[in-house]
Amino acid sequence: MTETRTTLQDHTSKQFDLELEQLRTRVLQMGGLVEQQVSRAIRALYLGDQAEMDLVVREDVHINKLEVELDEACNQVIAKRQPTAIDLRMIITVLKSINDLERIGDKAQKIARIGAMLHSQHSAFTPDVDLRHMADQSLQMLRGALDAFARLDVQAAVQVVHLDDEINSQYKSVVRQLITFMMEDPRTISRSLDIMAVAKAIERIGDHAKNISEYVIYMVKGLNVRHTTPEELDKELSKV
């Protein structure tokens, strides 16, 4: 009788491990789709590819669907398994991460919508501001966050957190450039505000990637590091 119960417990534990691994895999699949959406939106913005921008807008519904499905899957695991400790933290991390990924998808859609509008207007009064370096930085942060999640790598997550200050600095620089354009030539105001909205969307993608990285740290270390500076984060982790 004891042997049968032990075997059943082993089986249950292995099944639970499988369920958790499936959740992690599905998050990474969702992350891959979101990353693709951001890349497409930025590329289409600079190429003026209307078809590609339309595709980004349409594909957002798939990201929304994945978030709903993963949210439901997490709730089912919680109800069935009543996880504790790191297992519970992992599920909480999944729930929070898919929310941030869905919002990144929204930002990609926003970039595509504004890009389509900018190219359809063909205005001669378009400020010469290049957002590609900033966009590359946000994508690097997103990839880093997903990689940290996949490998449960705290150091990789910390690196993403540190990159956030750089992208914030780039955003402020873009805003200053656009304000200068608007002051010098009022005809650029409308286009400048649209470009500023794209820049803000890119900056927010970095913020969401940072959030995911902070969740990874929470999952692995059990530390809530939100609302801490990178320097405070380094100091906190050095104590663990």
Protein backbone atom coordinates (compact mmCIF):
# COMPACT_ATOMS: atom_id res chain seq x y z
CA MET A 1 0.00 0.00 0.00
CA THR A 2 2.81 2.40 0.91
CA GLU A 3 4.66 1.56 -2.30
CA THR A 4 1.55 2.30 -4.39
CA ARG A 5 1.05 5.69 -2.72
CA THR A 6 4.71 6.62 -3.27
CA THR A 7 4.46 5.73 -6.93
CA LEU A 8 1.32 7.83 -7.26
CA GLN A 9 3.02 10.78 -5.58
CA ASP A 10 6.01 10.49 -7.94
CA HIS A 11 3.66 10.42 -10.90
CA THR A 12 1.73 13.43 -9.64
CA SER A 13 4.95 15.37 -9.07
CA LYS A 14 6.22 14.57 -12.56
CA GLN A 15 2.88 15.58 -14.06
CA PHE A 16 3.00 18.86 -12.16
CA ASP A 17 6.54 19.50 -13.41
CA LEU A 18 5.31 18.85 -16.95
CA GLU A 19 2.44 21.31 -16.52
CA LEU A 20 4.81 23.99 -15.24
CA GLU A 21 7.22 23.39 -18.12
CA GLN A 22 4.36 23.65 -20.60
CA LEU A 23 3.42 27.02 -19.11
CA ARG A 24 6.98 28.28 -19.48
CA THR A 25 7.16 27.02 -23.06
CA ARG A 26 3.92 28.75 -24.00
CA VAL A 27 5.12 32.02 -22.47
CA LEU A 28 8.26 31.84 -24.62
CA GLN A 29 6.15 31.10 -27.70
CA MET A 30 4.03 34.16 -26.93
CA GLY A 31 7.22 36.16 -26.36
CA GLY A 32 8.56 35.07 -29.74
CA LEU A 33 5.39 36.25 -31.47
CA VAL A 34 5.50 39.58 -29.62
CA GLU A 35 9.16 40.08 -30.55
CA GLN A 36 8.29 39.37 -34.19
CA GLN A 37 5.48 41.95 -34.03
CA VAL A 38 7.79 44.66 -32.71
CA SER A 39 10.46 43.88 -35.32
CA ARG A 40 7.88 43.96 -38.11
CA ALA A 41 6.38 47.24 -36.92
CA ILE A 42 9.73 49.02 -36.76
CA ARG A 43 10.92 47.61 -40.08
CA ALA A 44 7.64 48.52 -41.81
CA LEU A 45 7.73 52.02 -40.31
CA TYR A 46 11.06 52.76 -41.99
CA LEU A 47 10.33 50.95 -45.24
CA GLY A 48 6.85 52.42 -45.58
CA ASP A 49 5.52 48.87 -46.03
CA GLN A 50 1.77 49.34 -45.68
CA ALA A 51 0.99 45.63 -46.07
CA GLU A 52 3.41 44.75 -43.27
CA MET A 53 1.95 47.43 -41.00
CA ASP A 54 -1.56 46.13 -41.68
CA LEU A 55 -0.36 42.62 -40.81
CA VAL A 56 1.00 43.80 -37.45
CA VAL A 57 -2.36 45.38 -36.64
CA ARG A 58 -4.27 42.23 -37.57
CA GLU A 59 -1.92 39.84 -35.77
CA ASP A 60 -2.44 41.57 -32.42
CA VAL A 61 -5.59 39.51 -31.90
CA HIS A 62 -3.46 36.34 -31.69
CA ILE A 63 -1.38 37.81 -28.87
CA ASN A 64 -4.54 38.76 -26.99
CA LYS A 65 -5.86 35.22 -27.45
CA LEU A 66 -2.64 33.70 -26.11
CA GLU A 67 -2.80 35.89 -23.01
CA VAL A 68 -6.35 34.77 -22.24
CA GLU A 69 -5.47 31.10 -22.78
CA LEU A 70 -2.36 31.26 -20.59
CA ASP A 71 -4.22 33.14 -17.87
CA GLU A 72 -6.84 30.39 -17.79
CA ALA A 73 -4.17 27.66 -17.78
CA CYS A 74 -2.43 29.26 -14.80
CA ASN A 75 -5.70 29.51 -12.88
CA GLN A 76 -6.39 25.84 -13.55
CA VAL A 77 -2.96 24.82 -12.27
CA ILE A 78 -3.41 26.92 -9.12
CA ALA A 79 -6.83 25.41 -8.44
CA LYS A 80 -5.69 21.83 -9.11
CA ARG A 81 -2.18 21.83 -7.61
CA GLN A 82 -2.28 24.54 -4.95
CA PRO A 83 1.41 25.33 -5.56
CA THR A 84 3.71 26.81 -2.94
CA ALA A 85 7.19 28.37 -2.77
CA ILE A 86 9.05 28.60 -6.10
CA ASP A 87 6.27 26.81 -8.00
CA LEU A 88 3.78 29.47 -6.93
CA ARG A 89 6.28 32.22 -7.75
CA MET A 90 6.75 30.72 -11.20
CA ILE A 91 3.02 30.81 -11.90
CA ILE A 92 2.77 34.38 -10.60
CA THR A 93 5.68 35.29 -12.88
CA VAL A 94 3.89 33.74 -15.85
CA LEU A 95 0.68 35.66 -15.07
CA LYS A 96 2.50 38.96 -14.77
CA SER A 97 4.78 38.36 -17.76
CA ILE A 98 1.97 37.55 -20.18
CA ASN A 99 0.29 40.80 -19.18
CA ASP A 100 3.45 42.72 -20.06
CA LEU A 101 3.87 40.77 -23.29
CA GLU A 102 0.31 41.59 -24.30
CA ARG A 103 1.00 45.26 -23.67
CA ILE A 104 4.17 45.09 -25.77
CA GLY A 105 2.00 43.66 -28.54
CA ASP A 106 -0.30 46.66 -28.15
CA LYS A 107 2.70 48.99 -28.52
CA ALA A 108 3.76 47.21 -31.72
CA GLN A 109 0.25 47.65 -33.06
CA LYS A 110 0.33 51.34 -32.11
CA ILE A 111 3.65 51.84 -33.92
CA ALA A 112 2.19 50.17 -37.01
CA ARG A 113 -0.98 52.29 -36.92
CA ILE A 114 0.92 55.56 -36.54
CA GLY A 115 3.41 54.46 -39.19
CA ALA A 116 0.61 53.77 -41.64
CA MET A 117 -0.85 57.21 -40.97
CA LEU A 118 2.52 58.96 -41.32
CA HIS A 119 3.23 57.34 -44.68
CA SER A 120 -0.27 57.96 -46.01
CA GLN A 121 0.05 61.71 -45.41
CA HIS A 122 3.32 62.22 -47.33
CA SER A 123 4.04 65.48 -45.50
CA ALA A 124 7.08 67.54 -46.47
CA PHE A 125 7.36 68.70 -42.88
CA THR A 126 8.64 65.52 -41.28
CA PRO A 127 11.39 66.00 -38.64
CA ASP A 128 14.54 64.03 -39.35
CA VAL A 129 14.67 61.90 -36.18
CA ASP A 130 16.00 58.33 -36.31
CA LEU A 131 14.38 55.97 -33.83
CA ARG A 132 16.07 52.79 -35.03
CA HIS A 133 18.82 52.69 -32.41
CA MET A 134 16.26 53.16 -29.68
CA ALA A 135 14.09 50.44 -31.23
CA ASP A 136 17.07 48.07 -31.42
CA GLN A 137 17.73 48.73 -27.74
CA SER A 138 14.13 47.92 -26.77
CA LEU A 139 14.27 44.70 -28.79
CA GLN A 140 17.55 43.77 -27.12
CA MET A 141 15.87 44.25 -23.76
CA LEU A 142 12.90 42.11 -24.78
CA ARG A 143 15.13 39.31 -26.06
CA GLY A 144 17.25 39.52 -22.92
CA ALA A 145 14.18 39.31 -20.68
CA LEU A 146 12.83 36.28 -22.54
CA ASP A 147 16.25 34.61 -22.44
CA ALA A 148 16.49 35.26 -18.69
CA PHE A 149 13.04 33.73 -18.26
CA ALA A 150 13.94 30.69 -20.37
CA ARG A 151 17.18 30.00 -18.46
CA LEU A 152 16.06 31.34 -15.04
CA ASP A 153 19.16 33.53 -15.30
CA VAL A 154 19.20 36.26 -12.66
CA GLN A 155 22.33 37.95 -14.01
CA ALA A 156 20.81 38.20 -17.49
CA ALA A 157 17.70 39.71 -15.94
CA VAL A 158 19.79 42.26 -14.03
CA GLN A 159 21.52 43.29 -17.27
CA VAL A 160 18.14 44.07 -18.83
CA VAL A 161 17.17 46.19 -15.82
CA HIS A 162 20.38 48.19 -16.22
CA LEU A 163 19.63 48.85 -19.90
CA ASP A 164 16.41 50.66 -19.03
CA ASP A 165 18.21 53.85 -18.00
CA GLU A 166 19.89 54.00 -21.41
CA ILE A 167 16.65 53.71 -23.36
CA ASN A 168 15.03 56.33 -21.11
CA SER A 169 17.93 58.65 -21.88
CA GLN A 170 17.51 58.05 -25.61
CA TYR A 171 13.80 58.81 -25.37
CA LYS A 172 14.48 62.13 -23.62
CA SER A 173 16.98 62.99 -26.34
CA VAL A 174 14.37 62.30 -29.04
CA VAL A 175 11.82 64.46 -27.23
CA ARG A 176 14.31 67.33 -27.02
CA GLN A 177 15.03 67.06 -30.76
CA LEU A 178 11.33 67.08 -31.62
CA ILE A 179 10.62 70.06 -29.37
CA THR A 180 13.39 71.94 -31.16
CA PHE A 181 11.87 71.11 -34.55
CA MET A 182 8.42 72.28 -33.40
CA MET A 183 9.78 75.55 -32.01
CA GLU A 184 11.74 76.30 -35.17
CA ASP A 185 8.96 75.37 -37.61
CA PRO A 186 5.33 75.10 -36.41
CA ARG A 187 4.49 73.19 -39.59
CA THR A 188 6.30 70.16 -38.09
CA ILE A 189 4.14 70.07 -34.94
CA SER A 190 1.64 67.47 -36.11
CA ARG A 191 4.28 65.08 -37.46
CA SER A 192 6.52 65.66 -34.46
CA LEU A 193 3.75 64.66 -32.06
CA ASP A 194 3.13 61.46 -34.05
CA ILE A 195 6.84 60.60 -34.02
CA MET A 196 6.95 61.36 -30.30
CA ALA A 197 4.11 58.87 -29.78
CA VAL A 198 6.11 56.19 -31.64
CA ALA A 199 9.17 56.97 -29.51
CA LYS A 200 7.07 56.68 -26.35
CA ALA A 201 5.74 53.30 -27.49
CA ILE A 202 9.31 52.09 -28.03
CA GLU A 203 10.34 53.38 -24.60
CA ARG A 204 7.39 51.57 -23.01
CA ILE A 205 8.44 48.30 -24.68
CA GLY A 206 11.70 48.65 -22.76
CA ASP A 207 9.76 49.26 -19.54
CA HIS A 208 7.72 46.09 -20.03
CA ALA A 209 10.88 44.07 -20.78
CA LYS A 210 12.35 45.43 -17.56
CA ASN A 211 9.22 44.33 -15.70
CA ILE A 212 9.57 40.77 -17.02
CA SER A 213 13.20 40.70 -15.91
CA GLU A 214 12.19 41.81 -12.43
CA TYR A 215 9.64 38.99 -12.30
CA VAL A 216 12.41 36.52 -13.17
CA ILE A 217 14.45 37.78 -10.23
CA TYR A 218 11.39 37.38 -8.01
CA MET A 219 10.77 33.86 -9.29
CA VAL A 220 14.34 32.66 -8.73
CA LYS A 221 15.33 34.61 -5.63
CA GLY A 222 11.99 35.38 -4.00
CA LEU A 223 12.87 39.10 -3.98
CA ASN A 224 10.41 41.79 -5.00
CA VAL A 225 12.72 44.29 -6.71
CA ARG A 226 10.14 46.52 -8.33
CA HIS A 227 10.51 50.24 -7.66
CA THR A 228 14.22 49.85 -6.88
CA THR A 229 17.06 51.55 -8.73
CA PRO A 230 19.63 49.40 -10.58
CA GLU A 231 22.16 50.29 -7.89
CA GLU A 232 19.77 49.23 -5.12
CA LEU A 233 19.07 46.02 -7.04
CA ASP A 234 22.78 45.17 -7.24
CA LYS A 235 23.17 45.81 -3.53
CA GLU A 236 20.12 43.70 -2.66
CA LEU A 237 21.28 40.75 -4.74
CA SER A 238 24.76 40.88 -3.25
CA LYS A 239 23.19 40.02 0.12
CA VAL A 240 21.52 36.83 -1.18
